[in-house]
Amino acid sequence: MFDIGFLELLIIGVVGLLVLGPERLPKAARTAGLWIGRIKRSVAGMQREISAQLEAEELRQKLKEQERKLDDSVNQAKRSAEQAKRSVESIADTPNKGNGGQADSTGAKPAPASQRLDDAVDSAASASSSGASASTLSRPSTPSDDTASSEHKDSATR
C-alpha cells in the first residue's frame, strides 16, 4: 500500500521525538496504532460485506437462471404431454375402418386398440424434443402387459 522504508520511519520517529518530547511520544504512538488498527478493521469489514453482497447477487442471478430453465423445461414437457394425449385420443377415437377387425387381403390382422395406443405414446415420446422420456408418460395398463411381466419374472427366477 504505502512504500515506507526504514529510513522514512526513522525520520518520522526523530521528528516525533523532537515535537512531542519523550513523555508524550509513547502515548501518541499507542493512540496512532489504535486508530490505524480500527481503520484497518473497518476497511476489512466493509470488504467482507461487499464480497458477501456480490456473492449473494451472483447466487440470486444463478437461481433466477435455473428457475427460468426449469420453467421452460416444465412448459415444454406439458406441451409434449398434451400433444401425446391429443394423438392418443385421436387414435383411440379412430376405429378400424372397413374391415371391422377382420383380416385384410394380405391375411394380417389389424393391431388391437391397446397396441395402437402404446405405439402412439411411444411415437409421441420419441418425437418430443423436450427430453422427457417415454417412461414419464403414463401408459394404460392392459391385462397382456401384466401377464407378460409376470412371465418375465418367472423366467428370470428359473
Protein backbone atom coordinates (compact mmCIF):
# COMPACT_ATOMS: atom_id res chain seq x y z
CA MET A 1 0.00 0.00 0.00
CA PHE A 2 2.41 2.69 1.19
CA ASP A 3 6.05 2.34 0.31
CA ILE A 4 7.64 3.40 3.59
CA GLY A 5 11.13 2.13 4.27
CA PHE A 6 13.26 2.05 7.39
CA LEU A 7 14.81 5.47 6.70
CA GLU A 8 11.40 7.15 6.47
CA LEU A 9 10.30 5.54 9.74
CA LEU A 10 13.49 6.73 11.46
CA ILE A 11 12.93 10.31 10.26
CA ILE A 12 9.29 10.26 11.47
CA GLY A 13 10.43 8.91 14.86
CA VAL A 14 13.10 11.63 15.28
CA VAL A 15 10.68 14.41 14.29
CA GLY A 16 8.02 12.98 16.65
CA LEU A 17 10.55 12.84 19.48
CA LEU A 18 11.57 16.45 18.89
CA VAL A 19 8.00 17.73 18.56
CA LEU A 20 6.24 15.72 21.28
CA GLY A 21 9.06 15.06 23.65
CA PRO A 22 10.00 11.84 25.38
CA GLU A 23 6.98 11.87 27.77
CA ARG A 24 4.18 12.17 25.22
CA LEU A 25 5.69 10.18 22.32
CA PRO A 26 4.81 6.67 23.61
CA LYS A 27 1.21 7.69 24.35
CA ALA A 28 0.87 9.33 20.90
CA ALA A 29 2.37 6.26 19.18
CA ARG A 30 -0.06 3.94 21.03
CA THR A 31 -3.04 6.17 20.13
CA ALA A 32 -1.93 6.30 16.47
CA GLY A 33 -1.57 2.49 16.45
CA LEU A 34 -5.08 2.06 17.91
CA TRP A 35 -6.57 4.38 15.29
CA ILE A 36 -4.75 2.60 12.48
CA GLY A 37 -5.97 -0.77 13.79
CA ARG A 38 -9.57 0.49 13.94
CA ILE A 39 -9.34 1.83 10.40
CA LYS A 40 -7.90 -1.46 9.12
CA ARG A 41 -10.63 -3.48 10.86
CA SER A 42 -13.40 -1.27 9.50
CA VAL A 43 -11.97 -1.44 5.97
CA ALA A 44 -11.68 -5.24 6.22
CA GLY A 45 -15.28 -5.44 7.50
CA MET A 46 -16.52 -3.35 4.59
CA GLN A 47 -14.62 -5.54 2.15
CA ARG A 48 -16.22 -8.66 3.69
CA GLU A 49 -19.68 -7.11 3.43
CA ILE A 50 -19.14 -6.07 -0.18
CA SER A 51 -17.86 -9.51 -1.16
CA ALA A 52 -20.80 -11.17 0.66
CA GLN A 53 -23.26 -8.92 -1.18
CA LEU A 54 -21.60 -9.71 -4.52
CA GLU A 55 -21.75 -13.44 -3.82
CA ALA A 56 -25.40 -13.16 -2.79
CA GLU A 57 -26.19 -11.27 -6.00
CA GLU A 58 -24.41 -13.92 -8.08
CA LEU A 59 -26.39 -16.64 -6.32
CA ARG A 60 -29.64 -14.76 -6.96
CA GLN A 61 -28.81 -14.48 -10.65
CA LYS A 62 -27.93 -18.18 -10.87
CA LEU A 63 -31.13 -19.06 -9.05
CA LYS A 64 -33.22 -16.94 -11.43
CA GLU A 65 -31.50 -18.53 -14.42
CA GLN A 66 -32.09 -22.05 -13.07
CA GLU A 67 -35.71 -21.18 -12.29
CA ARG A 68 -36.20 -19.89 -15.82
CA LYS A 69 -34.65 -23.04 -17.31
CA LEU A 70 -36.81 -25.22 -15.08
CA ASP A 71 -39.96 -23.30 -16.05
CA ASP A 72 -39.06 -23.66 -19.73
CA SER A 73 -38.50 -27.39 -19.43
CA VAL A 74 -41.73 -27.86 -17.44
CA ASN A 75 -43.70 -25.91 -20.03
CA GLN A 76 -42.10 -27.89 -22.84
CA ALA A 77 -42.89 -31.17 -21.06
CA LYS A 78 -46.50 -30.03 -20.59
CA ARG A 79 -46.78 -29.21 -24.29
CA SER A 80 -45.36 -32.57 -25.32
CA ALA A 81 -47.64 -34.40 -22.87
CA GLU A 82 -50.66 -32.55 -24.20
CA GLN A 83 -49.59 -33.34 -27.75
CA ALA A 84 -49.18 -37.00 -26.85
CA LYS A 85 -52.57 -37.01 -25.16
CA ARG A 86 -54.20 -35.49 -28.25
CA SER A 87 -52.55 -38.03 -30.53
CA VAL A 88 -53.58 -40.90 -28.25
CA GLU A 89 -57.14 -39.60 -28.10
CA SER A 90 -57.28 -39.22 -31.87
CA ILE A 91 -56.05 -42.79 -32.34
CA ALA A 92 -58.45 -44.10 -29.70
CA ASP A 93 -61.36 -42.30 -31.38
CA THR A 94 -60.49 -43.73 -34.81
CA PRO A 95 -61.93 -47.27 -35.15
CA ASN A 96 -60.66 -49.86 -37.64
CA LYS A 97 -62.40 -48.70 -40.79
CA GLY A 98 -63.63 -51.02 -43.45
CA ASN A 99 -62.71 -54.43 -42.10
CA GLY A 100 -64.31 -54.42 -38.65
CA GLY A 101 -61.31 -56.11 -37.08
CA GLN A 102 -61.16 -58.88 -39.75
CA ALA A 103 -58.03 -59.83 -41.59
CA ASP A 104 -57.26 -57.76 -44.66
CA SER A 105 -56.37 -59.09 -48.15
CA THR A 106 -52.81 -59.88 -47.06
CA GLY A 107 -54.06 -62.08 -44.25
CA ALA A 108 -52.69 -59.82 -41.47
CA LYS A 109 -55.00 -58.85 -38.65
CA PRO A 110 -55.04 -55.19 -37.57
CA ALA A 111 -53.33 -54.31 -34.30
CA PRO A 112 -55.55 -54.19 -31.23
CA ALA A 113 -56.51 -50.80 -29.82
CA SER A 114 -54.18 -51.17 -26.83
CA GLN A 115 -51.23 -51.81 -29.14
CA ARG A 116 -52.12 -48.75 -31.23
CA LEU A 117 -52.29 -46.64 -28.05
CA ASP A 118 -48.88 -47.94 -26.93
CA ASP A 119 -47.41 -47.17 -30.34
CA ALA A 120 -48.89 -43.65 -30.29
CA VAL A 121 -47.47 -42.96 -26.82
CA ASP A 122 -44.06 -44.26 -27.84
CA SER A 123 -44.00 -42.24 -31.06
CA ALA A 124 -45.15 -39.07 -29.29
CA ALA A 125 -42.48 -39.52 -26.64
CA SER A 126 -39.75 -40.06 -29.19
CA ALA A 127 -40.93 -37.11 -31.30
CA SER A 128 -40.86 -34.63 -28.44
CA SER A 129 -37.68 -32.63 -28.15
CA SER A 130 -38.20 -31.73 -24.52
CA GLY A 131 -36.02 -34.52 -23.24
CA ALA A 132 -38.96 -36.18 -21.48
CA SER A 133 -38.61 -39.92 -21.89
CA ALA A 134 -41.39 -42.33 -22.69
CA SER A 135 -41.25 -43.55 -19.10
CA THR A 136 -42.55 -40.20 -17.88
CA LEU A 137 -45.72 -40.61 -19.92
CA SER A 138 -48.35 -42.88 -18.44
CA ARG A 139 -49.45 -45.88 -20.50
CA PRO A 140 -52.73 -47.61 -19.90
CA SER A 141 -52.21 -50.98 -18.27
CA THR A 142 -53.57 -53.94 -20.18
CA PRO A 143 -54.00 -57.49 -18.94
CA SER A 144 -51.48 -58.72 -21.51
CA ASP A 145 -48.87 -56.37 -20.00
CA ASP A 146 -49.46 -57.82 -16.55
CA THR A 147 -49.16 -61.40 -17.73
CA ALA A 148 -46.08 -60.62 -19.80
CA SER A 149 -44.37 -59.02 -16.82
CA SER A 150 -45.25 -61.97 -14.57
CA GLU A 151 -43.97 -64.40 -17.24
CA HIS A 152 -40.77 -62.36 -17.45
CA LYS A 153 -40.38 -62.56 -13.66
CA ASP A 154 -40.95 -66.33 -13.73
CA SER A 155 -38.34 -66.84 -16.45
CA ALA A 156 -35.86 -64.65 -14.57
CA THR A 157 -36.18 -66.76 -11.43
CA ARG A 158 -35.57 -70.05 -13.30
